[in-house]
PDB file of N, CA and C in Angstrom:
ATOM      1  N   MET A   1       0.822  -1.231   0.015  1.00  0.00           N
ATOM      2  CA  MET A   1       0.280  -0.111  -0.024  1.00  0.00           C
ATOM      3  C   MET A   1       0.810   1.202   0.080  1.00  0.00           C
ATOM      4  N   PRO A   2       0.781   2.155  -0.916  1.00  0.00           N
ATOM      5  CA  PRO A   2       1.400   3.356  -0.835  1.00  0.00           C
ATOM      6  C   PRO A   2       0.978   4.013   0.552  1.00  0.00           C
ATOM      7  N   SER A   3       2.178   4.864   1.068  1.00  0.00           N
ATOM      8  CA  SER A   3       1.892   5.220   2.377  1.00  0.00           C
ATOM      9  C   SER A   3       1.604   6.883   2.308  1.00  0.00           C
ATOM     10  N   SER A   4       1.020   7.383   1.128  1.00  0.00           N
ATOM     11  CA  SER A   4       0.480   8.703   0.707  1.00  0.00           C
ATOM     12  C   SER A   4      -0.686   8.945   1.633  1.00  0.00           C
ATOM     13  N   LYS A   5      -0.983  10.095   2.017  1.00  0.00           N
ATOM     14  CA  LYS A   5      -2.096  10.516   2.882  1.00  0.00           C
ATOM     15  C   LYS A   5      -2.995  10.493   1.992  1.00  0.00           C
ATOM     16  N   ASN A   6      -3.078  10.901   0.698  1.00  0.00           N
ATOM     17  CA  ASN A   6      -4.100  10.894  -0.136  1.00  0.00           C
ATOM     18  C   ASN A   6      -4.616   9.825  -0.786  1.00  0.00           C
ATOM     19  N   TYR A   7      -3.900   8.508  -0.550  1.00  0.00           N
ATOM     20  CA  TYR A   7      -4.057   7.414  -1.180  1.00  0.00           C
ATOM     21  C   TYR A   7      -5.366   6.689  -0.513  1.00  0.00           C
ATOM     22  N   LYS A   8      -6.371   6.382  -1.380  1.00  0.00           N
ATOM     23  CA  LYS A   8      -7.596   5.733  -0.931  1.00  0.00           C
ATOM     24  C   LYS A   8      -7.824   4.342  -1.929  1.00  0.00           C
ATOM     25  N   ARG A   9      -8.075   3.481  -0.759  1.00  0.00           N
ATOM     26  CA  ARG A   9      -8.096   2.042  -1.101  1.00  0.00           C
ATOM     27  C   ARG A   9      -9.258   1.752  -2.252  1.00  0.00           C
ATOM     28  N   ASN A  10      -9.310   1.010  -3.412  1.00  0.00           N
ATOM     29  CA  ASN A  10     -10.358   0.700  -4.076  1.00  0.00           C
ATOM     30  C   ASN A  10     -10.773  -0.698  -3.556  1.00  0.00           C
ATOM     31  N   TYR A  11     -11.867  -0.624  -2.581  1.00  0.00           N
ATOM     32  CA  TYR A  11     -12.244  -1.950  -2.189  1.00  0.00           C
ATOM     33  C   TYR A  11     -12.845  -3.035  -3.049  1.00  0.00           C
ATOM     34  N   LYS A  12     -13.699  -2.206  -4.192  1.00  0.00           N
ATOM     35  CA  LYS A  12     -14.373  -3.012  -5.111  1.00  0.00           C
ATOM     36  C   LYS A  12     -13.198  -3.718  -5.968  1.00  0.00           C
ATOM     37  N   LYS A  13     -12.381  -3.128  -6.350  1.00  0.00           N
ATOM     38  CA  LYS A  13     -11.232  -3.928  -7.197  1.00  0.00           C
ATOM     39  C   LYS A  13     -10.586  -4.855  -6.500  1.00  0.00           C
ATOM     40  N   GLU A  14     -10.125  -4.450  -5.196  1.00  0.00           N
ATOM     41  CA  GLU A  14      -9.415  -5.541  -4.436  1.00  0.00           C
ATOM     42  C   GLU A  14     -10.254  -6.678  -4.104  1.00  0.00           C
ATOM     43  N   TYR A  15     -11.774  -6.582  -3.843  1.00  0.00           N
ATOM     44  CA  TYR A  15     -12.262  -7.736  -3.778  1.00  0.00           C
ATOM     45  C   TYR A  15     -12.416  -8.596  -5.034  1.00  0.00           C
ATOM     46  N   LYS A  16     -12.657  -7.840  -5.928  1.00  0.00           N
ATOM     47  CA  LYS A  16     -12.916  -8.530  -7.597  1.00  0.00           C
ATOM     48  C   LYS A  16     -11.545  -9.323  -7.848  1.00  0.00           C
ATOM     49  N   ASN A  17     -10.454  -8.669  -7.592  1.00  0.00           N
ATOM     50  CA  ASN A  17      -9.071  -9.388  -7.996  1.00  0.00           C
ATOM     51  C   ASN A  17      -8.596 -10.423  -7.314  1.00  0.00           C
ATOM     52  N   TYR A  18      -9.124 -10.453  -5.840  1.00  0.00           N
ATOM     53  CA  TYR A  18      -8.392 -11.186  -4.891  1.00  0.00           C
ATOM     54  C   TYR A  18      -9.591 -12.235  -3.948  1.00  0.00           C
ATOM     55  N   HIS A  19     -10.423 -11.445  -3.289  1.00  0.00           N
ATOM     56  CA  HIS A  19     -11.250 -12.271  -2.540  1.00  0.00           C
ATOM     57  C   HIS A  19     -12.373 -12.803  -3.303  1.00  0.00           C
ATOM     58  N   SER A  20     -12.635 -12.590  -4.408  1.00  0.00           N
ATOM     59  CA  SER A  20     -13.797 -13.459  -4.980  1.00  0.00           C
ATOM     60  C   SER A  20     -13.056 -14.511  -6.140  1.00  0.00           C
ATOM     61  N   SER A  21     -11.656 -14.776  -6.064  1.00  0.00           N
ATOM     62  CA  SER A  21     -11.327 -15.647  -6.853  1.00  0.00           C
ATOM     63  C   SER A  21     -11.537 -17.074  -6.503  1.00  0.00           C
ATOM     64  N   PRO A  22     -11.730 -17.911  -7.373  1.00  0.00           N
ATOM     65  CA  PRO A  22     -12.154 -19.431  -6.887  1.00  0.00           C
ATOM     66  C   PRO A  22     -10.999 -20.045  -5.940  1.00  0.00           C
ATOM     67  N   GLU A  23      -9.799 -19.766  -5.815  1.00  0.00           N
ATOM     68  CA  GLU A  23      -8.978 -20.316  -5.198  1.00  0.00           C
ATOM     69  C   GLU A  23      -9.295 -19.725  -3.609  1.00  0.00           C
ATOM     70  N   GLN A  24      -9.477 -18.311  -3.586  1.00  0.00           N
ATOM     71  CA  GLN A  24      -9.834 -17.623  -2.271  1.00  0.00           C
ATOM     72  C   GLN A  24     -11.155 -18.365  -1.621  1.00  0.00           C
ATOM     73  N   LYS A  25     -12.127 -18.452  -2.623  1.00  0.00           N
ATOM     74  CA  LYS A  25     -13.340 -19.056  -2.123  1.00  0.00           C
ATOM     75  C   LYS A  25     -13.166 -20.416  -1.409  1.00  0.00           C
ATOM     76  N   LYS A  26     -12.427 -21.252  -2.123  1.00  0.00           N
ATOM     77  CA  LYS A  26     -12.275 -22.523  -1.633  1.00  0.00           C
ATOM     78  C   LYS A  26     -11.664 -22.547  -0.260  1.00  0.00           C
ATOM     79  N   LYS A  27     -10.645 -21.501  -0.056  1.00  0.00           N
ATOM     80  CA  LYS A  27      -9.896 -21.538   1.112  1.00  0.00           C
ATOM     81  C   LYS A  27     -10.865 -21.086   2.303  1.00  0.00           C
ATOM     82  N   ARG A  28     -11.590 -19.936   1.827  1.00  0.00           N
ATOM     83  CA  ARG A  28     -12.624 -19.347   3.018  1.00  0.00           C
ATOM     84  C   ARG A  28     -13.513 -20.586   3.347  1.00  0.00           C
ATOM     85  N   ALA A  29     -14.207 -21.349   2.272  1.00  0.00           N
ATOM     86  CA  ALA A  29     -15.044 -22.381   2.685  1.00  0.00           C
ATOM     87  C   ALA A  29     -14.310 -23.463   3.569  1.00  0.00           C
ATOM     88  N   SER A  30     -13.191 -23.905   3.421  1.00  0.00           N
ATOM     89  CA  SER A  30     -12.475 -24.725   4.139  1.00  0.00           C
ATOM     90  C   SER A  30     -12.250 -24.199   5.524  1.00  0.00           C
ATOM     91  N   ARG A  31     -11.753 -22.942   5.555  1.00  0.00           N
ATOM     92  CA  ARG A  31     -11.741 -22.359   7.048  1.00  0.00           C
ATOM     93  C   ARG A  31     -12.980 -22.407   7.764  1.00  0.00           C
ATOM     94  N   ASN A  32     -14.207 -22.068   7.115  1.00  0.00           N
ATOM     95  CA  ASN A  32     -15.505 -22.056   7.887  1.00  0.00           C
ATOM     96  C   ASN A  32     -15.879 -23.483   8.254  1.00  0.00           C
ATOM     97  N   ALA A  33     -15.604 -24.463   7.409  1.00  0.00           N
ATOM     98  CA  ALA A  33     -15.895 -25.610   7.790  1.00  0.00           C
ATOM     99  C   ALA A  33     -15.123 -26.115   8.979  1.00  0.00           C
ATOM    100  N   ALA A  34     -13.854 -25.853   9.113  1.00  0.00           N
ATOM    101  CA  ALA A  34     -13.075 -26.290  10.152  1.00  0.00           C
ATOM    102  C   ALA A  34     -13.694 -25.649  11.409  1.00  0.00           C
ATOM    103  N   ASN A  35     -14.044 -24.379  11.328  1.00  0.00           N
ATOM    104  CA  ASN A  35     -14.587 -23.618  12.512  1.00  0.00           C
ATOM    105  C   ASN A  35     -16.002 -24.327  12.910  1.00  0.00           C
ATOM    106  N   ARG A  36     -16.758 -24.721  12.066  1.00  0.00           N
ATOM    107  CA  ARG A  36     -18.114 -25.391  12.337  1.00  0.00           C
ATOM    108  C   ARG A  36     -17.832 -26.817  12.787  1.00  0.00           C
ATOM    109  N   ALA A  37     -16.775 -27.577  12.607  1.00  0.00           N
ATOM    110  CA  ALA A  37     -16.495 -28.828  13.048  1.00  0.00           C
ATOM    111  C   ALA A  37     -16.141 -28.679  14.630  1.00  0.00           C
ATOM    112  N   VAL A  38     -15.372 -27.723  14.758  1.00  0.00           N
ATOM    113  CA  VAL A  38     -14.790 -27.334  16.083  1.00  0.00           C
ATOM    114  C   VAL A  38     -15.749 -26.720  17.121  1.00  0.00           C
ATOM    115  N   GLY A  39     -16.555 -25.767  16.623  1.00  0.00           N
ATOM    116  CA  GLY A  39     -17.741 -25.254  17.227  1.00  0.00           C
ATOM    117  C   GLY A  39     -17.426 -24.319  18.497  1.00  0.00           C
ATOM    118  N   VAL A  40     -16.280 -23.894  18.661  1.00  0.00           N
ATOM    119  CA  VAL A  40     -15.824 -22.877  19.475  1.00  0.00           C
ATOM    120  C   VAL A  40     -15.616 -21.644  19.040  1.00  0.00           C
ATOM    121  N   LYS A  41     -16.243 -20.595  19.544  1.00  0.00           N
ATOM    122  CA  LYS A  41     -16.305 -19.066  18.916  1.00  0.00           C
ATOM    123  C   LYS A  41     -15.234 -18.523  19.629  1.00  0.00           C
ATOM    124  N   GLY A  42     -14.531 -17.618  19.419  1.00  0.00           N
ATOM    125  CA  GLY A  42     -13.392 -16.649  20.044  1.00  0.00           C
ATOM    126  C   GLY A  42     -12.115 -17.271  19.867  1.00  0.00           C
ATOM    127  N   LYS A  43     -11.833 -18.401  19.300  1.00  0.00           N
ATOM    128  CA  LYS A  43     -10.427 -19.031  19.053  1.00  0.00           C
ATOM    129  C   LYS A  43     -10.388 -19.146  17.572  1.00  0.00           C
ATOM    130  N   ASP A  44      -9.235 -19.503  17.472  1.00  0.00           N
ATOM    131  CA  ASP A  44      -8.921 -20.034  16.145  1.00  0.00           C
ATOM    132  C   ASP A  44      -8.665 -21.500  15.934  1.00  0.00           C
ATOM    133  N   VAL A  45      -8.918 -22.201  14.756  1.00  0.00           N
ATOM    134  CA  VAL A  45      -8.512 -23.610  14.669  1.00  0.00           C
ATOM    135  C   VAL A  45      -7.113 -23.919  14.034  1.00  0.00           C
ATOM    136  N   ASP A  46      -6.551 -24.667  14.611  1.00  0.00           N
ATOM    137  CA  ASP A  46      -5.439 -25.171  14.054  1.00  0.00           C
ATOM    138  C   ASP A  46      -5.367 -26.648  13.882  1.00  0.00           C
ATOM    139  N   HIS A  47      -4.599 -26.789  12.586  1.00  0.00           N
ATOM    140  CA  HIS A  47      -4.571 -28.185  12.049  1.00  0.00           C
ATOM    141  C   HIS A  47      -3.236 -28.673  12.373  1.00  0.00           C
ATOM    142  N   LYS A  48      -3.285 -29.943  13.044  1.00  0.00           N
ATOM    143  CA  LYS A  48      -2.344 -30.834  13.797  1.00  0.00           C
ATOM    144  C   LYS A  48      -1.187 -31.075  12.730  1.00  0.00           C
ATOM    145  N   ASN A  49      -1.716 -31.416  11.689  1.00  0.00           N
ATOM    146  CA  ASN A  49      -0.634 -31.942  10.488  1.00  0.00           C
ATOM    147  C   ASN A  49      -0.221 -30.983   9.701  1.00  0.00           C
ATOM    148  N   GLY A  50      -0.786 -29.674   9.986  1.00  0.00           N
ATOM    149  CA  GLY A  50      -0.240 -28.413   8.906  1.00  0.00           C
ATOM    150  C   GLY A  50      -1.095 -28.257   7.584  1.00  0.00           C
ATOM    151  N   ASN A  51      -1.930 -29.482   7.217  1.00  0.00           N
ATOM    152  CA  ASN A  51      -2.652 -29.301   6.156  1.00  0.00           C
ATOM    153  C   ASN A  51      -4.121 -28.359   6.371  1.00  0.00           C
ATOM    154  N   PRO A  52      -3.978 -27.271   5.895  1.00  0.00           N
ATOM    155  CA  PRO A  52      -5.461 -26.688   6.258  1.00  0.00           C
ATOM    156  C   PRO A  52      -6.582 -27.156   5.333  1.00  0.00           C
ATOM    157  N   MET A  53      -6.536 -28.046   4.564  1.00  0.00           N
ATOM    158  CA  MET A  53      -7.408 -28.804   3.689  1.00  0.00           C
ATOM    159  C   MET A  53      -8.070 -29.976   4.340  1.00  0.00           C
ATOM    160  N   ASP A  54      -7.187 -30.448   5.235  1.00  0.00           N
ATOM    161  CA  ASP A  54      -7.575 -31.526   6.187  1.00  0.00           C
ATOM    162  C   ASP A  54      -8.576 -31.346   7.336  1.00  0.00           C
ATOM    163  N   ASN A  55      -9.525 -31.362   7.343  1.00  0.00           N
ATOM    164  CA  ASN A  55     -10.720 -30.855   8.349  1.00  0.00           C
ATOM    165  C   ASN A  55     -11.310 -31.931   9.010  1.00  0.00           C
ATOM    166  N   ARG A  56     -10.635 -33.044   9.237  1.00  0.00           N
ATOM    167  CA  ARG A  56     -11.103 -34.117   9.809  1.00  0.00           C
ATOM    168  C   ARG A  56     -11.036 -33.642  11.259  1.00  0.00           C
ATOM    169  N   LYS A  57     -12.243 -34.148  12.232  1.00  0.00           N
ATOM    170  CA  LYS A  57     -12.178 -33.798  13.463  1.00  0.00           C
ATOM    171  C   LYS A  57     -10.891 -33.953  14.317  1.00  0.00           C
ATOM    172  N   SER A  58     -10.329 -35.095  14.043  1.00  0.00           N
ATOM    173  CA  SER A  58      -9.057 -35.640  14.877  1.00  0.00           C
ATOM    174  C   SER A  58      -8.008 -34.746  14.298  1.00  0.00           C
ATOM    175  N   ASN A  59      -7.997 -34.067  13.298  1.00  0.00           N
ATOM    176  CA  ASN A  59      -6.790 -33.198  12.952  1.00  0.00           C
ATOM    177  C   ASN A  59      -7.010 -31.708  13.364  1.00  0.00           C
ATOM    178  N   LEU A  60      -8.022 -31.228  14.145  1.00  0.00           N
ATOM    179  CA  LEU A  60      -8.298 -30.138  14.578  1.00  0.00           C
ATOM    180  C   LEU A  60      -7.959 -29.805  16.072  1.00  0.00           C
ATOM    181  N   ARG A  61      -7.621 -28.520  16.460  1.00  0.00           N
ATOM    182  CA  ARG A  61      -7.654 -28.460  17.772  1.00  0.00           C
ATOM    183  C   ARG A  61      -7.776 -26.887  17.967  1.00  0.00           C
ATOM    184  N   THR A  62      -8.147 -26.336  18.865  1.00  0.00           N
ATOM    185  CA  THR A  62      -8.508 -24.916  19.344  1.00  0.00           C
ATOM    186  C   THR A  62      -7.104 -24.112  19.713  1.00  0.00           C
ATOM    187  N   VAL A  63      -6.671 -23.172  19.311  1.00  0.00           N
ATOM    188  CA  VAL A  63      -5.534 -22.478  19.966  1.00  0.00           C
ATOM    189  C   VAL A  63      -6.190 -20.902  20.151  1.00  0.00           C
ATOM    190  N   SER A  64      -5.238 -20.278  21.122  1.00  0.00           N
ATOM    191  CA  SER A  64      -5.625 -18.675  20.987  1.00  0.00           C
ATOM    192  C   SER A  64      -5.305 -18.253  19.577  1.00  0.00           C
ATOM    193  N   LYS A  65      -5.957 -17.377  19.452  1.00  0.00           N
ATOM    194  CA  LYS A  65      -5.692 -16.262  18.143  1.00  0.00           C
ATOM    195  C   LYS A  65      -4.166 -15.879  17.952  1.00  0.00           C
ATOM    196  N   LYS A  66      -3.618 -15.268  19.054  1.00  0.00           N
ATOM    197  CA  LYS A  66      -2.277 -14.949  19.077  1.00  0.00           C
ATOM    198  C   LYS A  66      -1.170 -16.301  18.885  1.00  0.00           C
ATOM    199  N   THR A  67      -1.586 -17.183  19.458  1.00  0.00           N
ATOM    200  CA  THR A  67      -0.634 -18.368  19.148  1.00  0.00           C
ATOM    201  C   THR A  67      -0.759 -18.822  17.845  1.00  0.00           C
ATOM    202  N   ASN A  68      -1.842 -19.104  17.371  1.00  0.00           N
ATOM    203  CA  ASN A  68      -2.146 -19.627  15.823  1.00  0.00           C
ATOM    204  C   ASN A  68      -1.424 -18.451  14.854  1.00  0.00           C
ATOM    205  N   ARG A  69      -1.757 -17.241  15.061  1.00  0.00           N
ATOM    206  CA  ARG A  69      -1.321 -16.272  14.026  1.00  0.00           C
ATOM    207  C   ARG A  69       0.189 -15.906  14.423  1.00  0.00           C
ATOM    208  N   SER A  70       0.711 -16.104  15.329  1.00  0.00           N
ATOM    209  CA  SER A  70       2.362 -15.766  15.462  1.00  0.00           C
ATOM    210  C   SER A  70       3.215 -17.024  14.854  1.00  0.00           C
ATOM    211  N   PHE A  71       2.677 -18.040  14.690  1.00  0.00           N
ATOM    212  CA  PHE A  71       3.338 -18.988  14.342  1.00  0.00           C
ATOM    213  C   PHE A  71       4.002 -19.013  13.225  1.00  0.00           C
ATOM    214  N   PRO A  72       5.378 -19.302  12.821  1.00  0.00           N
ATOM    215  CA  PRO A  72       6.199 -19.065  11.720  1.00  0.00           C
ATOM    216  C   PRO A  72       5.744 -20.114  10.625  1.00  0.00           C
ATOM    217  N   ARG A  73       5.336 -19.508   9.578  1.00  0.00           N
ATOM    218  CA  ARG A  73       4.815 -20.399   8.461  1.00  0.00           C
ATOM    219  C   ARG A  73       5.881 -20.567   7.518  1.00  0.00           C
ATOM    220  N   THR A  74       6.773 -21.703   7.897  1.00  0.00           N
ATOM    221  CA  THR A  74       7.749 -22.015   6.664  1.00  0.00           C
ATOM    222  C   THR A  74       7.823 -23.570   6.585  1.00  0.00           C
ATOM    223  N   LYS A  75       8.552 -24.151   5.534  1.00  0.00           N
ATOM    224  CA  LYS A  75       8.588 -25.549   5.378  1.00  0.00           C
ATOM    225  C   LYS A  75       9.067 -26.313   6.592  1.00  0.00           C
ATOM    226  N   THR A  76       9.989 -25.732   7.268  1.00  0.00           N
ATOM    227  CA  THR A  76      10.735 -26.591   8.570  1.00  0.00           C
ATOM    228  C   THR A  76       9.647 -26.193   9.724  1.00  0.00           C
ATOM    229  N   ALA A  77       8.426 -25.462   9.803  1.00  0.00           N
ATOM    230  CA  ALA A  77       7.807 -24.948  10.913  1.00  0.00           C
ATOM    231  C   ALA A  77       7.259 -26.058  11.560  1.00  0.00           C
ATOM    232  N   LYS A  78       6.792 -27.303  10.648  1.00  0.00           N
ATOM    233  CA  LYS A  78       5.981 -28.407  11.137  1.00  0.00           C
ATOM    234  C   LYS A  78       6.804 -29.174  12.109  1.00  0.00           C
ATOM    235  N   LYS A  79       7.928 -29.128  11.913  1.00  0.00           N
ATOM    236  CA  LYS A  79       8.919 -30.001  12.775  1.00  0.00           C
ATOM    237  C   LYS A  79       9.044 -29.407  14.264  1.00  0.00           C
ATOM    238  N   LYS A  80       8.862 -27.985  14.338  1.00  0.00           N
ATOM    239  CA  LYS A  80       8.973 -27.282  15.507  1.00  0.00           C
ATOM    240  C   LYS A  80       7.811 -27.380  16.234  1.00  0.00           C
ATOM    241  N   ARG A  81       6.474 -27.664  15.825  1.00  0.00           N
ATOM    242  CA  ARG A  81       5.041 -27.546  16.267  1.00  0.00           C
ATOM    243  C   ARG A  81       4.956 -28.776  17.422  1.00  0.00           C
ATOM    244  N   LYS A  82       4.302 -28.346  18.469  1.00  0.00           N
ATOM    245  CA  LYS A  82       4.115 -29.316  19.388  1.00  0.00           C
ATOM    246  C   LYS A  82       2.727 -30.283  19.196  1.00  0.00           C
TER     247      LYS A  82
END
């Protein structure tokens, strides 16, 4: 994003180009399915095996938003996860 004070975001264009793409819709549907499977509000759903498309109940756990969103997303990160 430009840091100019006069910059105005074009939300329609942003939604059209990114949020409404088939790939993003599929990811959003997967996140929603995981949240419904766990049924806990106010927390994030974490996938034990690191695959966000694997929404089996045995692969899901709830963690705080701070914990889930501060986790380093790298190829070697799975090895460090408890």
